[in-house]
């Protein structure tokens, strides 16, 4: 009988150990993702990374193009003073100068202006009677409008405005009527 009691005790202990092992193994078991889920996660990560890289390439290409397009902006701005001086000289020589002198200065002026135009410089077309636009014009002063239709409009253009590849580098200086 003793043997039988010992065997029963051993069996009970083994059953308890098995139940304890099952309980602890259930607590420690984590659900691992399947291979398909892992593949889908990695594929999603790859697509996002690829899209981010493509956006970076486009952005850096655009920035590089803008840099080259506007790299000579400072030089162009400094040349505008020379261009203005040429225009003033042409007016003065035309009033009371020698026609041969006028022709020579005009030739140099046209050549200089064409070189600047090749690099993207464009003069703004601003005339008396045009509407005043803050994005393109700088009002130097206001005067009483000579006529009723010139109120709030440009009366006179003092200095020509210029754009470099559709970006204003010098506003047109104008007189407006009030």
N, C-alpha and C. Protein backbone atom coordinates (compact mmCIF):
# COMPACT_ATOMS: atom_id res chain seq x y z
N UNK A 1 0.81 -1.15 0.00
CA UNK A 1 0.00 0.00 0.00
C UNK A 1 0.87 1.25 0.00
N UNK A 2 1.94 1.16 0.68
CA UNK A 2 2.87 2.27 0.71
C UNK A 2 3.37 2.62 -0.69
N UNK A 3 3.67 1.64 -1.44
CA UNK A 3 4.13 1.85 -2.81
C UNK A 3 3.05 2.54 -3.64
N UNK A 4 1.86 2.10 -3.41
CA UNK A 4 0.75 2.66 -4.16
C UNK A 4 0.55 4.12 -3.75
N UNK A 5 0.67 4.46 -2.46
CA UNK A 5 0.53 5.84 -2.02
C UNK A 5 1.65 6.71 -2.59
N UNK A 6 2.85 6.17 -2.62
CA UNK A 6 4.00 6.92 -3.18
C UNK A 6 3.78 7.16 -4.67
N UNK A 7 3.31 6.13 -5.37
CA UNK A 7 3.05 6.27 -6.81
C UNK A 7 1.97 7.32 -7.06
N UNK A 8 0.93 7.30 -6.23
CA UNK A 8 -0.15 8.28 -6.39
C UNK A 8 0.36 9.69 -6.11
N UNK A 9 1.18 9.84 -5.07
CA UNK A 9 1.76 11.15 -4.76
C UNK A 9 2.65 11.64 -5.89
N UNK A 10 3.46 10.76 -6.44
CA UNK A 10 4.33 11.12 -7.56
C UNK A 10 3.51 11.55 -8.77
N UNK A 11 2.44 10.82 -9.02
CA UNK A 11 1.59 11.15 -10.16
C UNK A 11 0.92 12.51 -9.94
N UNK A 12 0.45 12.76 -8.72
CA UNK A 12 -0.17 14.05 -8.41
C UNK A 12 0.84 15.20 -8.59
N UNK A 13 2.08 14.98 -8.12
CA UNK A 13 3.12 15.99 -8.26
C UNK A 13 3.43 16.24 -9.74
N UNK A 14 3.48 15.17 -10.53
CA UNK A 14 3.75 15.30 -11.96
C UNK A 14 2.62 16.07 -12.65
N UNK A 15 1.38 15.78 -12.27
CA UNK A 15 0.24 16.48 -12.85
C UNK A 15 0.28 17.97 -12.49
N UNK A 16 0.63 18.25 -11.22
CA UNK A 16 0.73 19.65 -10.80
C UNK A 16 1.83 20.38 -11.57
N UNK A 17 2.96 19.71 -11.75
CA UNK A 17 4.08 20.28 -12.48
C UNK A 17 3.68 20.56 -13.93
N UNK A 18 2.98 19.63 -14.54
CA UNK A 18 2.53 19.80 -15.92
C UNK A 18 1.57 20.98 -16.02
N UNK A 19 0.62 21.07 -15.06
CA UNK A 19 -0.34 22.16 -15.07
C UNK A 19 0.39 23.49 -14.86
N UNK A 20 1.39 23.52 -13.96
CA UNK A 20 2.16 24.74 -13.71
C UNK A 20 2.94 25.14 -14.96
N UNK A 21 3.56 24.15 -15.62
CA UNK A 21 4.33 24.42 -16.84
C UNK A 21 3.42 24.96 -17.94
N UNK A 22 2.21 24.40 -18.04
CA UNK A 22 1.27 24.88 -19.06
C UNK A 22 0.87 26.32 -18.77
N UNK A 23 0.62 26.63 -17.48
CA UNK A 23 0.23 27.99 -17.10
C UNK A 23 1.36 28.99 -17.39
N UNK A 24 2.57 28.63 -17.02
CA UNK A 24 3.69 29.54 -17.26
C UNK A 24 4.00 29.66 -18.74
N UNK A 25 3.85 28.61 -19.49
CA UNK A 25 4.14 28.68 -20.92
C UNK A 25 3.08 29.52 -21.63
N UNK A 26 1.85 29.53 -21.15
CA UNK A 26 0.80 30.36 -21.74
C UNK A 26 1.10 31.84 -21.47
N UNK A 27 1.64 32.16 -20.31
CA UNK A 27 1.96 33.53 -19.96
C UNK A 27 3.14 34.05 -20.78
N UNK A 28 4.13 33.22 -21.06
CA UNK A 28 5.34 33.63 -21.76
C UNK A 28 5.19 33.61 -23.28
N UNK A 29 4.17 33.00 -23.77
CA UNK A 29 4.00 32.88 -25.21
C UNK A 29 3.49 34.20 -25.77
N UNK A 30 4.20 34.72 -26.76
CA UNK A 30 3.77 35.92 -27.47
C UNK A 30 3.41 35.51 -28.88
N UNK A 31 2.45 36.22 -29.42
CA UNK A 31 2.01 35.88 -30.76
C UNK A 31 3.00 36.50 -31.74
N UNK A 32 3.69 35.67 -32.48
CA UNK A 32 4.65 36.14 -33.46
C UNK A 32 3.94 36.36 -34.79
N UNK A 33 4.30 37.49 -35.48
CA UNK A 33 3.66 37.74 -36.77
C UNK A 33 4.07 36.68 -37.80
N UNK A 34 3.18 36.45 -38.70
CA UNK A 34 3.46 35.46 -39.74
C UNK A 34 4.42 36.06 -40.76
N UNK A 35 4.94 35.23 -41.61
CA UNK A 35 5.89 35.67 -42.64
C UNK A 35 5.22 36.66 -43.59
N UNK A 36 3.95 36.45 -43.90
CA UNK A 36 3.23 37.36 -44.80
C UNK A 36 3.09 38.75 -44.16
N UNK A 37 2.81 38.79 -42.86
CA UNK A 37 2.67 40.07 -42.18
C UNK A 37 4.01 40.80 -42.14
N UNK A 38 5.08 40.08 -41.86
CA UNK A 38 6.42 40.68 -41.85
C UNK A 38 6.78 41.21 -43.24
N UNK A 39 6.46 40.45 -44.26
CA UNK A 39 6.73 40.87 -45.63
C UNK A 39 5.93 42.14 -45.97
N UNK A 40 4.68 42.19 -45.56
CA UNK A 40 3.85 43.36 -45.84
C UNK A 40 4.39 44.59 -45.12
N UNK A 41 4.85 44.42 -43.87
CA UNK A 41 5.42 45.54 -43.13
C UNK A 41 6.69 46.06 -43.82
N UNK A 42 7.55 45.17 -44.21
CA UNK A 42 8.80 45.56 -44.88
C UNK A 42 8.52 46.20 -46.23
N UNK A 43 7.54 45.69 -46.94
CA UNK A 43 7.18 46.25 -48.25
C UNK A 43 6.65 47.67 -48.06
N UNK A 44 5.80 47.89 -47.05
CA UNK A 44 5.26 49.20 -46.76
C UNK A 44 6.39 50.17 -46.39
N UNK A 45 7.31 49.71 -45.57
CA UNK A 45 8.46 50.53 -45.18
C UNK A 45 9.31 50.90 -46.39
N UNK A 46 9.51 49.95 -47.28
CA UNK A 46 10.30 50.18 -48.50
C UNK A 46 9.62 51.21 -49.39
N UNK A 47 8.31 51.09 -49.58
CA UNK A 47 7.57 52.02 -50.45
C UNK A 47 7.64 53.43 -49.88
N UNK A 48 7.47 53.57 -48.57
CA UNK A 48 7.54 54.90 -47.94
C UNK A 48 8.94 55.49 -48.08
N UNK A 49 9.95 54.68 -47.88
CA UNK A 49 11.33 55.15 -48.00
C UNK A 49 11.63 55.56 -49.44
N UNK A 50 11.16 54.80 -50.40
CA UNK A 50 11.36 55.12 -51.81
C UNK A 50 10.66 56.43 -52.17
N UNK A 51 9.43 56.62 -51.70
CA UNK A 51 8.69 57.85 -51.98
C UNK A 51 9.40 59.05 -51.35
N UNK A 52 9.90 58.87 -50.14
CA UNK A 52 10.61 59.95 -49.47
C UNK A 52 11.87 60.32 -50.24
N UNK A 53 12.58 59.34 -50.75
CA UNK A 53 13.80 59.59 -51.53
C UNK A 53 13.47 60.29 -52.84
N UNK A 54 12.39 59.90 -53.50
CA UNK A 54 11.98 60.55 -54.75
C UNK A 54 11.63 62.01 -54.50
N UNK A 55 10.94 62.29 -53.40
CA UNK A 55 10.61 63.67 -53.04
C UNK A 55 11.87 64.48 -52.77
N UNK A 56 12.84 63.87 -52.11
CA UNK A 56 14.11 64.53 -51.85
C UNK A 56 14.83 64.87 -53.16
N UNK A 57 14.83 63.94 -54.10
CA UNK A 57 15.49 64.18 -55.39
C UNK A 57 14.82 65.33 -56.14
N UNK A 58 13.49 65.33 -56.16
CA UNK A 58 12.77 66.41 -56.85
C UNK A 58 13.04 67.75 -56.19
N UNK A 59 13.00 67.78 -54.86
CA UNK A 59 13.23 69.02 -54.13
C UNK A 59 14.65 69.54 -54.36
N UNK A 60 15.63 68.67 -54.31
CA UNK A 60 17.01 69.12 -54.50
C UNK A 60 17.26 69.55 -55.94
N UNK A 61 16.63 68.90 -56.91
CA UNK A 61 16.76 69.31 -58.31
C UNK A 61 16.15 70.68 -58.51
N UNK A 62 14.98 70.91 -57.92
CA UNK A 62 14.32 72.21 -58.03
C UNK A 62 15.17 73.29 -57.38
N UNK A 63 15.72 73.03 -56.19
CA UNK A 63 16.56 74.00 -55.51
C UNK A 63 17.81 74.32 -56.33
N UNK A 64 18.39 73.31 -56.94
CA UNK A 64 19.59 73.50 -57.76
C UNK A 64 19.27 74.36 -58.98
N UNK A 65 18.11 74.09 -59.62
CA UNK A 65 17.71 74.88 -60.78
C UNK A 65 17.46 76.34 -60.39
N UNK A 66 16.81 76.56 -59.26
CA UNK A 66 16.57 77.92 -58.79
C UNK A 66 17.88 78.62 -58.46
N UNK A 67 18.82 77.89 -57.89
CA UNK A 67 20.12 78.48 -57.57
C UNK A 67 20.81 78.97 -58.83
N UNK A 68 20.85 78.14 -59.86
CA UNK A 68 21.51 78.54 -61.10
C UNK A 68 20.74 79.66 -61.79
N UNK A 69 19.43 79.63 -61.69
CA UNK A 69 18.60 80.64 -62.34
C UNK A 69 18.81 82.01 -61.70
N UNK A 70 18.96 82.06 -60.39
CA UNK A 70 19.08 83.33 -59.69
C UNK A 70 20.49 83.61 -59.17
N UNK A 71 21.47 82.82 -59.60
CA UNK A 71 22.84 83.00 -59.13
C UNK A 71 23.41 84.35 -59.55
N UNK A 72 23.02 84.82 -60.72
CA UNK A 72 23.56 86.09 -61.21
C UNK A 72 22.65 87.26 -60.88
N UNK A 73 21.74 87.10 -59.95
CA UNK A 73 20.79 88.15 -59.59
C UNK A 73 21.51 89.39 -59.06
N UNK A 74 22.48 89.23 -58.18
CA UNK A 74 23.20 90.38 -57.63
C UNK A 74 23.95 91.14 -58.72
N UNK A 75 24.55 90.41 -59.64
CA UNK A 75 25.25 91.05 -60.73
C UNK A 75 24.28 91.82 -61.62
N UNK A 76 23.11 91.23 -61.87
CA UNK A 76 22.10 91.89 -62.69
C UNK A 76 21.62 93.18 -62.02
N UNK A 77 21.39 93.14 -60.73
CA UNK A 77 20.93 94.33 -60.01
C UNK A 77 21.97 95.44 -60.10
N UNK A 78 23.25 95.09 -59.98
CA UNK A 78 24.29 96.11 -60.08
C UNK A 78 24.39 96.67 -61.50
N UNK A 79 24.06 95.89 -62.50
CA UNK A 79 24.12 96.35 -63.90
C UNK A 79 22.94 97.26 -64.26
N UNK A 80 21.87 97.22 -63.47
CA UNK A 80 20.71 98.06 -63.77
C UNK A 80 21.05 99.54 -63.69
N UNK A 81 21.93 99.91 -62.79
CA UNK A 81 22.37 101.31 -62.71
C UNK A 81 23.08 101.75 -63.99
N UNK A 82 23.90 100.88 -64.53
CA UNK A 82 24.60 101.19 -65.78
C UNK A 82 23.59 101.32 -66.92
N UNK A 83 22.60 100.44 -66.94
CA UNK A 83 21.56 100.49 -67.97
C UNK A 83 20.78 101.80 -67.88
N UNK A 84 20.46 102.23 -66.66
CA UNK A 84 19.76 103.52 -66.46
C UNK A 84 20.62 104.69 -66.96
N UNK A 85 21.92 104.63 -66.66
CA UNK A 85 22.82 105.70 -67.11
C UNK A 85 22.86 105.76 -68.64
N UNK A 86 22.86 104.63 -69.29
CA UNK A 86 22.83 104.60 -70.75
C UNK A 86 21.56 105.26 -71.27
N UNK A 87 20.43 104.96 -70.66
CA UNK A 87 19.16 105.55 -71.10
C UNK A 87 19.16 107.07 -70.93
N UNK A 88 19.70 107.54 -69.80
CA UNK A 88 19.78 108.98 -69.58
C UNK A 88 20.73 109.64 -70.59
N UNK A 89 21.85 108.97 -70.86
CA UNK A 89 22.81 109.51 -71.84
C UNK A 89 22.17 109.59 -73.22
N UNK A 90 21.41 108.59 -73.60
CA UNK A 90 20.75 108.60 -74.90
C UNK A 90 19.78 109.77 -75.02
N UNK A 91 19.05 110.06 -73.94
CA UNK A 91 18.12 111.19 -73.96
C UNK A 91 18.85 112.52 -74.13
N UNK A 92 19.94 112.69 -73.39
CA UNK A 92 20.70 113.94 -73.45
C UNK A 92 21.38 114.12 -74.80
N UNK A 93 21.99 113.07 -75.32
CA UNK A 93 22.66 113.16 -76.61
C UNK A 93 21.64 113.39 -77.72
N UNK A 94 20.45 112.80 -77.57
CA UNK A 94 19.39 112.99 -78.56
C UNK A 94 18.88 114.42 -78.59
N UNK A 95 18.89 115.10 -77.43
CA UNK A 95 18.39 116.48 -77.37
C UNK A 95 19.33 117.46 -78.07
N UNK A 96 20.61 117.38 -77.74
CA UNK A 96 21.53 118.39 -78.26
C UNK A 96 22.91 117.82 -78.60
N UNK A 97 22.94 116.64 -79.14
CA UNK A 97 24.22 116.04 -79.45
C UNK A 97 24.38 115.76 -80.93
N UNK A 98 25.51 115.23 -81.23
CA UNK A 98 25.85 114.85 -82.59
C UNK A 98 25.14 113.54 -82.93
N UNK A 99 24.50 113.45 -84.09
CA UNK A 99 23.82 112.20 -84.47
C UNK A 99 24.77 110.99 -84.54
N UNK A 100 26.03 111.23 -84.87
CA UNK A 100 27.00 110.14 -84.92
C UNK A 100 27.27 109.62 -83.51
N UNK A 101 27.37 110.53 -82.53
CA UNK A 101 27.57 110.13 -81.14
C UNK A 101 26.37 109.33 -80.65
N UNK A 102 25.19 109.81 -81.00
CA UNK A 102 23.96 109.13 -80.60
C UNK A 102 23.93 107.71 -81.14
N UNK A 103 24.33 107.55 -82.37
CA UNK A 103 24.32 106.23 -83.01
C UNK A 103 25.31 105.28 -82.33
N UNK A 104 26.48 105.78 -81.98
CA UNK A 104 27.49 104.94 -81.32
C UNK A 104 27.06 104.51 -79.93
N UNK A 105 26.53 105.45 -79.15
CA UNK A 105 26.08 105.13 -77.79
C UNK A 105 24.88 104.20 -77.85
N UNK A 106 23.99 104.41 -78.81
CA UNK A 106 22.82 103.54 -78.95
C UNK A 106 23.23 102.12 -79.31
N UNK A 107 24.25 101.98 -80.15
CA UNK A 107 24.75 100.65 -80.52
C UNK A 107 25.28 99.91 -79.28
N UNK A 108 26.06 100.61 -78.47
CA UNK A 108 26.60 100.00 -77.24
C UNK A 108 25.46 99.66 -76.28
N UNK A 109 24.50 100.57 -76.15
CA UNK A 109 23.34 100.34 -75.27
C UNK A 109 22.56 99.11 -75.71
N UNK A 110 22.28 98.98 -76.97
CA UNK A 110 21.52 97.83 -77.49
C UNK A 110 22.26 96.52 -77.25
N UNK A 111 23.57 96.53 -77.46
CA UNK A 111 24.37 95.32 -77.25
C UNK A 111 24.36 94.92 -75.77
N UNK A 112 24.54 95.91 -74.90
CA UNK A 112 24.53 95.67 -73.46
C UNK A 112 23.17 95.13 -73.01
N UNK A 113 22.11 95.77 -73.48
CA UNK A 113 20.75 95.36 -73.11
C UNK A 113 20.44 93.95 -73.63
N UNK A 114 20.89 93.63 -74.83
CA UNK A 114 20.62 92.28 -75.38
C UNK A 114 21.35 91.20 -74.58
N UNK A 115 22.56 91.50 -74.10
CA UNK A 115 23.29 90.51 -73.27
C UNK A 115 22.56 90.26 -71.96
N UNK A 116 22.04 91.31 -71.36
CA UNK A 116 21.29 91.14 -70.11
C UNK A 116 19.98 90.39 -70.37
N UNK A 117 19.35 90.65 -71.50
CA UNK A 117 18.10 89.96 -71.85
C UNK A 117 18.36 88.47 -72.08
N UNK A 118 19.50 88.14 -72.67
CA UNK A 118 19.85 86.72 -72.87
C UNK A 118 19.96 85.98 -71.55
N UNK A 119 20.35 86.68 -70.50
CA UNK A 119 20.50 86.06 -69.17
C UNK A 119 19.21 86.05 -68.38
N UNK A 120 18.09 86.51 -68.99
CA UNK A 120 16.78 86.41 -68.33
C UNK A 120 16.22 87.71 -67.81
N UNK A 121 16.88 88.83 -68.04
CA UNK A 121 16.40 90.12 -67.56
C UNK A 121 15.33 90.65 -68.51
N UNK A 122 14.22 91.10 -67.95
CA UNK A 122 13.14 91.68 -68.75
C UNK A 122 12.67 92.97 -68.11
N UNK A 123 12.46 93.99 -68.93
CA UNK A 123 11.92 95.26 -68.45
C UNK A 123 10.41 95.11 -68.32
N UNK A 124 9.85 95.69 -67.25
CA UNK A 124 8.39 95.67 -67.06
C UNK A 124 7.76 96.73 -67.95
N UNK A 125 6.65 96.39 -68.52
CA UNK A 125 5.89 97.35 -69.32
C UNK A 125 4.94 98.09 -68.39
N UNK A 126 5.28 99.33 -68.08
CA UNK A 126 4.45 100.16 -67.21
C UNK A 126 4.21 101.47 -67.94
N UNK A 127 2.96 101.86 -68.08
CA UNK A 127 2.60 103.10 -68.78
C UNK A 127 1.68 103.93 -67.90
N UNK A 128 1.65 105.23 -68.20
CA UNK A 128 0.73 106.11 -67.49
C UNK A 128 -0.70 105.65 -67.78
N UNK A 129 -1.50 105.59 -66.74
CA UNK A 129 -2.88 105.15 -66.88
C UNK A 129 -3.09 103.71 -66.46
N UNK A 130 -2.01 102.95 -66.26
CA UNK A 130 -2.14 101.57 -65.78
C UNK A 130 -2.57 101.58 -64.31
N UNK A 131 -3.18 100.50 -63.88
CA UNK A 131 -3.56 100.36 -62.47
C UNK A 131 -2.31 100.13 -61.63
N UNK A 132 -2.31 100.71 -60.44
CA UNK A 132 -1.19 100.53 -59.52
C UNK A 132 -1.25 99.14 -58.91
N UNK A 133 -0.14 98.40 -58.97
CA UNK A 133 -0.05 97.04 -58.43
C UNK A 133 1.11 97.01 -57.44
N UNK A 134 0.82 96.74 -56.19
CA UNK A 134 1.84 96.74 -55.14
C UNK A 134 2.92 95.68 -55.41
N UNK A 135 2.56 94.60 -56.07
CA UNK A 135 3.52 93.53 -56.33
C UNK A 135 4.53 93.89 -57.42
N UNK A 136 4.24 94.92 -58.21
CA UNK A 136 5.12 95.29 -59.33
C UNK A 136 5.63 96.72 -59.25
N UNK A 137 4.91 97.59 -58.55
CA UNK A 137 5.23 99.00 -58.55
C UNK A 137 5.57 99.51 -57.16
N UNK A 138 6.39 100.57 -57.14
CA UNK A 138 6.70 101.26 -55.89
C UNK A 138 6.29 102.72 -56.09
N UNK A 139 5.35 103.17 -55.29
CA UNK A 139 4.87 104.55 -55.42
C UNK A 139 5.85 105.49 -54.74
N UNK A 140 6.44 106.38 -55.52
CA UNK A 140 7.39 107.36 -54.97
C UNK A 140 6.62 108.50 -54.31
N UNK A 141 5.59 108.96 -54.99
CA UNK A 141 4.78 110.05 -54.46
C UNK A 141 3.39 110.01 -55.07
N UNK A 142 2.50 110.81 -54.49
CA UNK A 142 1.15 110.95 -55.04
C UNK A 142 0.93 112.42 -55.37
N UNK A 143 0.29 112.63 -56.48
CA UNK A 143 -0.04 114.00 -56.88
C UNK A 143 -1.54 114.06 -57.17
N UNK A 144 -2.10 115.25 -57.19
CA UNK A 144 -3.51 115.34 -57.60
C UNK A 144 -3.65 114.84 -59.04
N UNK A 145 -4.62 114.00 -59.26
CA UNK A 145 -4.81 113.39 -60.58
C UNK A 145 -5.17 114.47 -61.60
N UNK A 146 -4.48 114.49 -62.75
CA UNK A 146 -4.78 115.48 -63.78
C UNK A 146 -6.19 115.31 -64.34
N UNK A 147 -6.69 114.08 -64.32
CA UNK A 147 -8.06 113.84 -64.78
C UNK A 147 -8.71 112.82 -63.84
N UNK A 148 -10.01 112.74 -63.91
CA UNK A 148 -10.77 111.87 -63.01
C UNK A 148 -10.43 110.39 -63.23
N UNK A 149 -10.15 109.99 -64.46
CA UNK A 149 -9.88 108.57 -64.75
C UNK A 149 -8.50 108.13 -64.27
N UNK A 150 -7.61 109.05 -63.86
CA UNK A 150 -6.28 108.68 -63.37
C UNK A 150 -6.22 108.58 -61.84
N UNK A 151 -7.33 108.72 -61.17
CA UNK A 151 -7.31 108.58 -59.70
C UNK A 151 -7.01 107.13 -59.33
N UNK A 152 -5.98 106.96 -58.47
CA UNK A 152 -5.57 105.62 -58.03
C UNK A 152 -4.78 104.87 -59.09
N UNK A 153 -4.45 105.56 -60.17
CA UNK A 153 -3.69 104.91 -61.25
C UNK A 153 -2.33 105.59 -61.40
N UNK A 154 -1.50 105.01 -62.24
CA UNK A 154 -0.16 105.54 -62.47
C UNK A 154 -0.25 106.77 -63.36
N UNK A 155 0.38 107.86 -62.89
CA UNK A 155 0.40 109.10 -63.65
C UNK A 155 1.71 109.21 -64.44
N UNK A 156 2.84 108.81 -63.82
CA UNK A 156 4.15 108.92 -64.47
C UNK A 156 5.05 107.79 -63.99
N UNK A 157 5.96 107.35 -64.86
CA UNK A 157 6.94 106.31 -64.52
C UNK A 157 8.29 107.00 -64.34
N UNK A 158 8.86 106.91 -63.15
CA UNK A 158 10.15 107.55 -62.85
C UNK A 158 11.30 106.62 -63.23
N UNK A 159 11.20 105.35 -62.85
CA UNK A 159 12.28 104.39 -63.11
C UNK A 159 11.66 103.06 -63.53
N UNK A 160 12.24 102.47 -64.56
CA UNK A 160 11.73 101.21 -65.09
C UNK A 160 11.98 100.08 -64.10
N UNK A 161 11.02 99.16 -64.00
CA UNK A 161 11.18 97.98 -63.17
C UNK A 161 11.67 96.81 -64.01
N UNK A 162 12.32 95.84 -63.37
CA UNK A 162 12.87 94.70 -64.09
C UNK A 162 12.55 93.40 -63.37
N UNK A 163 12.41 92.34 -64.17
CA UNK A 163 12.24 90.99 -63.64
C UNK A 163 13.37 90.11 -64.15
N UNK A 164 13.72 89.14 -63.35
CA UNK A 164 14.71 88.15 -63.74
C UNK A 164 14.03 86.80 -63.63
N UNK A 165 13.75 86.20 -64.77
CA UNK A 165 13.05 84.90 -64.83
C UNK A 165 11.77 84.93 -63.99
N UNK A 166 10.93 85.91 -64.24
CA UNK A 166 9.61 86.07 -63.59
C UNK A 166 9.69 86.42 -62.11
N UNK A 167 10.84 86.83 -61.63
CA UNK A 167 10.97 87.29 -60.25
C UNK A 167 11.36 88.76 -60.30
N UNK A 168 10.62 89.60 -59.59
CA UNK A 168 10.89 91.03 -59.60
C UNK A 168 12.19 91.30 -58.86
N UNK A 169 13.15 91.93 -59.56
CA UNK A 169 14.41 92.28 -58.89
C UNK A 169 14.49 93.79 -58.64
N UNK A 170 13.67 94.56 -59.38
CA UNK A 170 13.56 95.99 -59.09
C UNK A 170 12.14 96.43 -59.46
N UNK A 171 11.47 97.03 -58.48
CA UNK A 171 10.11 97.51 -58.70
C UNK A 171 10.16 98.77 -59.56
N UNK A 172 9.13 98.95 -60.37
CA UNK A 172 9.00 100.17 -61.15
C UNK A 172 8.63 101.30 -60.22
N UNK A 173 9.38 102.40 -60.27
CA UNK A 173 9.10 103.55 -59.41
C UNK A 173 8.16 104.47 -60.17
N UNK A 174 6.99 104.72 -59.56
CA UNK A 174 5.94 105.44 -60.26
C UNK A 174 5.36 106.55 -59.39
N UNK A 175 4.67 107.46 -60.05
CA UNK A 175 3.88 108.51 -59.40
C UNK A 175 2.43 108.15 -59.61
N UNK A 176 1.65 108.19 -58.53
CA UNK A 176 0.23 107.84 -58.64
C UNK A 176 -0.64 109.08 -58.44
N UNK A 177 -1.85 109.04 -58.96
CA UNK A 177 -2.79 110.13 -58.80
C UNK A 177 -3.77 109.85 -57.68
N UNK A 178 -4.13 110.92 -56.94
CA UNK A 178 -5.12 110.74 -55.87
C UNK A 178 -6.26 111.71 -56.02
